[in-house]
N, C-alpha and C. Protein backbone atom coordinates (compact mmCIF):
# COMPACT_ATOMS: atom_id res chain seq x y z
N MET A 1 -122.32 85.14 -69.65
CA MET A 1 -122.02 86.26 -68.76
C MET A 1 -120.58 86.73 -69.00
N THR A 2 -120.41 88.00 -69.07
CA THR A 2 -119.09 88.58 -69.25
C THR A 2 -118.32 88.50 -67.93
N THR A 3 -117.07 88.08 -68.01
CA THR A 3 -116.24 87.96 -66.81
C THR A 3 -115.05 88.91 -66.90
N PRO A 4 -114.47 89.25 -65.76
CA PRO A 4 -113.26 90.07 -65.79
C PRO A 4 -112.17 89.43 -66.65
N GLU A 5 -112.05 88.11 -66.58
CA GLU A 5 -111.04 87.40 -67.36
C GLU A 5 -111.27 87.56 -68.86
N SER A 6 -112.52 87.50 -69.31
CA SER A 6 -112.80 87.64 -70.74
C SER A 6 -112.50 89.06 -71.22
N ILE A 7 -112.74 90.04 -70.37
CA ILE A 7 -112.42 91.42 -70.73
C ILE A 7 -110.91 91.60 -70.80
N ARG A 8 -110.20 91.04 -69.81
CA ARG A 8 -108.74 91.13 -69.80
C ARG A 8 -108.17 90.52 -71.08
N LYS A 9 -108.63 89.34 -71.44
CA LYS A 9 -108.15 88.68 -72.65
C LYS A 9 -108.48 89.50 -73.90
N GLY A 10 -109.66 90.11 -73.93
CA GLY A 10 -110.04 90.94 -75.07
C GLY A 10 -109.14 92.15 -75.23
N ILE A 11 -108.81 92.78 -74.12
CA ILE A 11 -107.92 93.94 -74.18
C ILE A 11 -106.52 93.51 -74.59
N GLU A 12 -106.02 92.44 -73.98
CA GLU A 12 -104.68 91.95 -74.32
C GLU A 12 -104.58 91.50 -75.77
N GLY A 13 -105.69 91.04 -76.33
CA GLY A 13 -105.69 90.59 -77.71
C GLY A 13 -105.50 91.71 -78.73
N GLY A 14 -105.78 92.95 -78.33
CA GLY A 14 -105.67 94.04 -79.27
C GLY A 14 -104.74 95.16 -78.84
N LEU A 15 -104.18 95.04 -77.65
CA LEU A 15 -103.33 96.11 -77.13
C LEU A 15 -102.16 95.46 -76.38
N ASP A 16 -100.95 95.88 -76.71
CA ASP A 16 -99.77 95.34 -76.05
C ASP A 16 -99.70 95.91 -74.63
N CYS A 17 -99.99 95.09 -73.64
CA CYS A 17 -100.06 95.55 -72.25
C CYS A 17 -98.87 95.03 -71.45
N LYS A 18 -98.31 95.91 -70.66
CA LYS A 18 -97.25 95.51 -69.72
C LYS A 18 -97.88 94.93 -68.46
N HIS A 19 -99.05 95.44 -68.11
CA HIS A 19 -99.77 94.99 -66.91
C HIS A 19 -101.25 95.26 -67.12
N ILE A 20 -102.10 94.37 -66.64
CA ILE A 20 -103.54 94.59 -66.71
C ILE A 20 -104.23 93.87 -65.57
N GLU A 21 -105.15 94.56 -64.94
CA GLU A 21 -106.00 93.99 -63.89
C GLU A 21 -107.44 94.35 -64.23
N VAL A 22 -108.34 93.40 -64.14
CA VAL A 22 -109.76 93.68 -64.36
C VAL A 22 -110.55 93.00 -63.25
N ALA A 23 -111.46 93.75 -62.64
CA ALA A 23 -112.35 93.21 -61.61
C ALA A 23 -113.76 93.65 -61.94
N GLY A 24 -114.74 92.89 -61.49
CA GLY A 24 -116.12 93.30 -61.73
C GLY A 24 -117.12 92.24 -61.34
N ASP A 25 -118.40 92.61 -61.52
CA ASP A 25 -119.50 91.76 -61.06
C ASP A 25 -120.35 91.18 -62.20
N GLY A 26 -119.89 91.29 -63.43
CA GLY A 26 -120.66 90.79 -64.55
C GLY A 26 -121.29 91.88 -65.39
N GLN A 27 -121.48 93.06 -64.81
CA GLN A 27 -122.00 94.21 -65.55
C GLN A 27 -121.11 95.43 -65.41
N HIS A 28 -120.62 95.68 -64.20
CA HIS A 28 -119.77 96.83 -63.92
C HIS A 28 -118.35 96.32 -63.68
N PHE A 29 -117.41 96.94 -64.38
CA PHE A 29 -116.02 96.48 -64.31
C PHE A 29 -115.07 97.65 -64.06
N GLU A 30 -113.94 97.32 -63.44
CA GLU A 30 -112.85 98.29 -63.23
C GLU A 30 -111.59 97.66 -63.78
N ALA A 31 -110.78 98.48 -64.45
CA ALA A 31 -109.54 97.97 -65.03
C ALA A 31 -108.39 98.94 -64.80
N VAL A 32 -107.22 98.37 -64.57
CA VAL A 32 -105.95 99.10 -64.58
C VAL A 32 -105.19 98.53 -65.77
N ILE A 33 -104.87 99.40 -66.72
CA ILE A 33 -104.22 98.96 -67.95
C ILE A 33 -102.94 99.76 -68.14
N VAL A 34 -101.83 99.06 -68.29
CA VAL A 34 -100.53 99.71 -68.48
C VAL A 34 -100.01 99.31 -69.86
N SER A 35 -99.81 100.32 -70.72
CA SER A 35 -99.36 100.05 -72.08
C SER A 35 -98.53 101.23 -72.61
N ALA A 36 -97.48 100.90 -73.33
CA ALA A 36 -96.67 101.94 -73.98
C ALA A 36 -97.48 102.65 -75.07
N ALA A 37 -98.54 102.02 -75.55
CA ALA A 37 -99.39 102.62 -76.58
C ALA A 37 -100.07 103.91 -76.09
N PHE A 38 -100.11 104.11 -74.77
CA PHE A 38 -100.75 105.29 -74.20
C PHE A 38 -99.84 106.52 -74.19
N ALA A 39 -98.56 106.34 -74.46
CA ALA A 39 -97.61 107.45 -74.41
C ALA A 39 -98.03 108.59 -75.34
N GLY A 40 -98.02 109.79 -74.81
CA GLY A 40 -98.34 110.98 -75.60
C GLY A 40 -99.82 111.18 -75.87
N LYS A 41 -100.68 110.35 -75.25
CA LYS A 41 -102.11 110.45 -75.50
C LYS A 41 -102.83 110.98 -74.26
N SER A 42 -103.92 111.70 -74.48
CA SER A 42 -104.73 112.19 -73.37
C SER A 42 -105.50 111.02 -72.75
N ARG A 43 -106.10 111.26 -71.61
CA ARG A 43 -106.90 110.21 -70.97
C ARG A 43 -108.04 109.77 -71.88
N VAL A 44 -108.69 110.71 -72.54
CA VAL A 44 -109.78 110.36 -73.46
C VAL A 44 -109.27 109.51 -74.61
N GLN A 45 -108.13 109.86 -75.19
CA GLN A 45 -107.57 109.08 -76.29
C GLN A 45 -107.18 107.68 -75.83
N ARG A 46 -106.68 107.56 -74.61
CA ARG A 46 -106.31 106.25 -74.07
C ARG A 46 -107.56 105.37 -73.93
N HIS A 47 -108.62 105.95 -73.39
CA HIS A 47 -109.87 105.19 -73.23
C HIS A 47 -110.44 104.80 -74.59
N GLN A 48 -110.32 105.69 -75.56
CA GLN A 48 -110.81 105.38 -76.91
C GLN A 48 -110.07 104.19 -77.50
N LEU A 49 -108.77 104.08 -77.23
CA LEU A 49 -107.99 102.92 -77.69
C LEU A 49 -108.56 101.62 -77.11
N VAL A 50 -108.86 101.64 -75.83
CA VAL A 50 -109.40 100.45 -75.17
C VAL A 50 -110.80 100.13 -75.72
N TYR A 51 -111.64 101.16 -75.86
CA TYR A 51 -112.98 100.94 -76.41
C TYR A 51 -112.90 100.35 -77.81
N ALA A 52 -111.97 100.82 -78.62
CA ALA A 52 -111.82 100.32 -79.99
C ALA A 52 -111.44 98.84 -79.97
N VAL A 53 -110.57 98.45 -79.05
CA VAL A 53 -110.15 97.06 -78.94
C VAL A 53 -111.34 96.17 -78.54
N LEU A 54 -112.17 96.66 -77.64
CA LEU A 54 -113.32 95.88 -77.17
C LEU A 54 -114.49 95.91 -78.16
N GLY A 55 -114.52 96.92 -79.01
CA GLY A 55 -115.52 96.99 -80.08
C GLY A 55 -116.95 96.84 -79.63
N GLU A 56 -117.68 95.96 -80.28
CA GLU A 56 -119.11 95.76 -80.02
C GLU A 56 -119.39 95.30 -78.60
N ARG A 57 -118.42 94.70 -77.96
CA ARG A 57 -118.63 94.24 -76.58
C ARG A 57 -119.00 95.39 -75.66
N MET A 58 -118.49 96.60 -75.96
CA MET A 58 -118.83 97.76 -75.13
C MET A 58 -120.31 98.11 -75.25
N ARG A 59 -120.92 97.84 -76.37
CA ARG A 59 -122.34 98.15 -76.55
C ARG A 59 -123.24 97.00 -76.09
N GLU A 60 -122.76 95.78 -76.26
CA GLU A 60 -123.63 94.63 -76.07
C GLU A 60 -123.44 93.89 -74.75
N GLU A 61 -122.22 93.78 -74.27
CA GLU A 61 -121.95 92.94 -73.11
C GLU A 61 -121.56 93.70 -71.85
N ILE A 62 -120.83 94.79 -72.02
CA ILE A 62 -120.25 95.49 -70.87
C ILE A 62 -121.08 96.73 -70.57
N HIS A 63 -121.72 96.73 -69.41
CA HIS A 63 -122.57 97.86 -69.04
C HIS A 63 -121.73 99.08 -68.66
N ALA A 64 -120.66 98.86 -67.88
CA ALA A 64 -119.81 99.97 -67.45
C ALA A 64 -118.39 99.48 -67.24
N LEU A 65 -117.44 100.28 -67.70
CA LEU A 65 -116.03 99.95 -67.53
C LEU A 65 -115.29 101.21 -67.08
N SER A 66 -114.83 101.18 -65.85
CA SER A 66 -114.03 102.27 -65.29
C SER A 66 -112.56 101.89 -65.50
N MET A 67 -111.76 102.83 -66.02
CA MET A 67 -110.38 102.50 -66.35
C MET A 67 -109.38 103.48 -65.76
N ARG A 68 -108.23 102.93 -65.35
CA ARG A 68 -107.02 103.72 -65.12
C ARG A 68 -106.07 103.28 -66.22
N THR A 69 -105.70 104.18 -67.08
CA THR A 69 -104.82 103.86 -68.21
C THR A 69 -103.49 104.59 -68.00
N LEU A 70 -102.42 103.82 -67.92
CA LEU A 70 -101.11 104.37 -67.59
C LEU A 70 -100.05 103.87 -68.56
N THR A 71 -99.03 104.70 -68.77
CA THR A 71 -97.85 104.24 -69.49
C THR A 71 -96.99 103.45 -68.50
N PRO A 72 -96.06 102.64 -68.99
CA PRO A 72 -95.18 101.93 -68.04
C PRO A 72 -94.43 102.88 -67.10
N GLU A 73 -94.05 104.05 -67.61
CA GLU A 73 -93.34 105.03 -66.77
C GLU A 73 -94.25 105.58 -65.67
N GLU A 74 -95.50 105.86 -66.01
CA GLU A 74 -96.45 106.36 -65.00
C GLU A 74 -96.75 105.28 -63.96
N TRP A 75 -96.83 104.05 -64.39
CA TRP A 75 -97.16 102.94 -63.50
C TRP A 75 -96.00 102.66 -62.54
N GLY A 76 -94.80 102.70 -63.07
CA GLY A 76 -93.62 102.38 -62.26
C GLY A 76 -93.14 103.54 -61.41
N GLY A 77 -93.59 104.74 -61.77
CA GLY A 77 -93.09 105.92 -61.07
C GLY A 77 -93.96 106.28 -59.95
């Protein structure tokens, strides 16, 4: 079973995060992800970065992932 912790570790493994929170019930998950990698990118481009990091897990393990993707400046401001 996919856990919020395993998703958090997967995202952190491929994206330099200043802050990350993941919650969910095993199929539906919500995440707040703060990374400088999001600077200058649209919301769609930010989500694509996260999807790319999670790769096949998005098709096979994770039914739904709702995300708030912020730069450190947006998060702190």
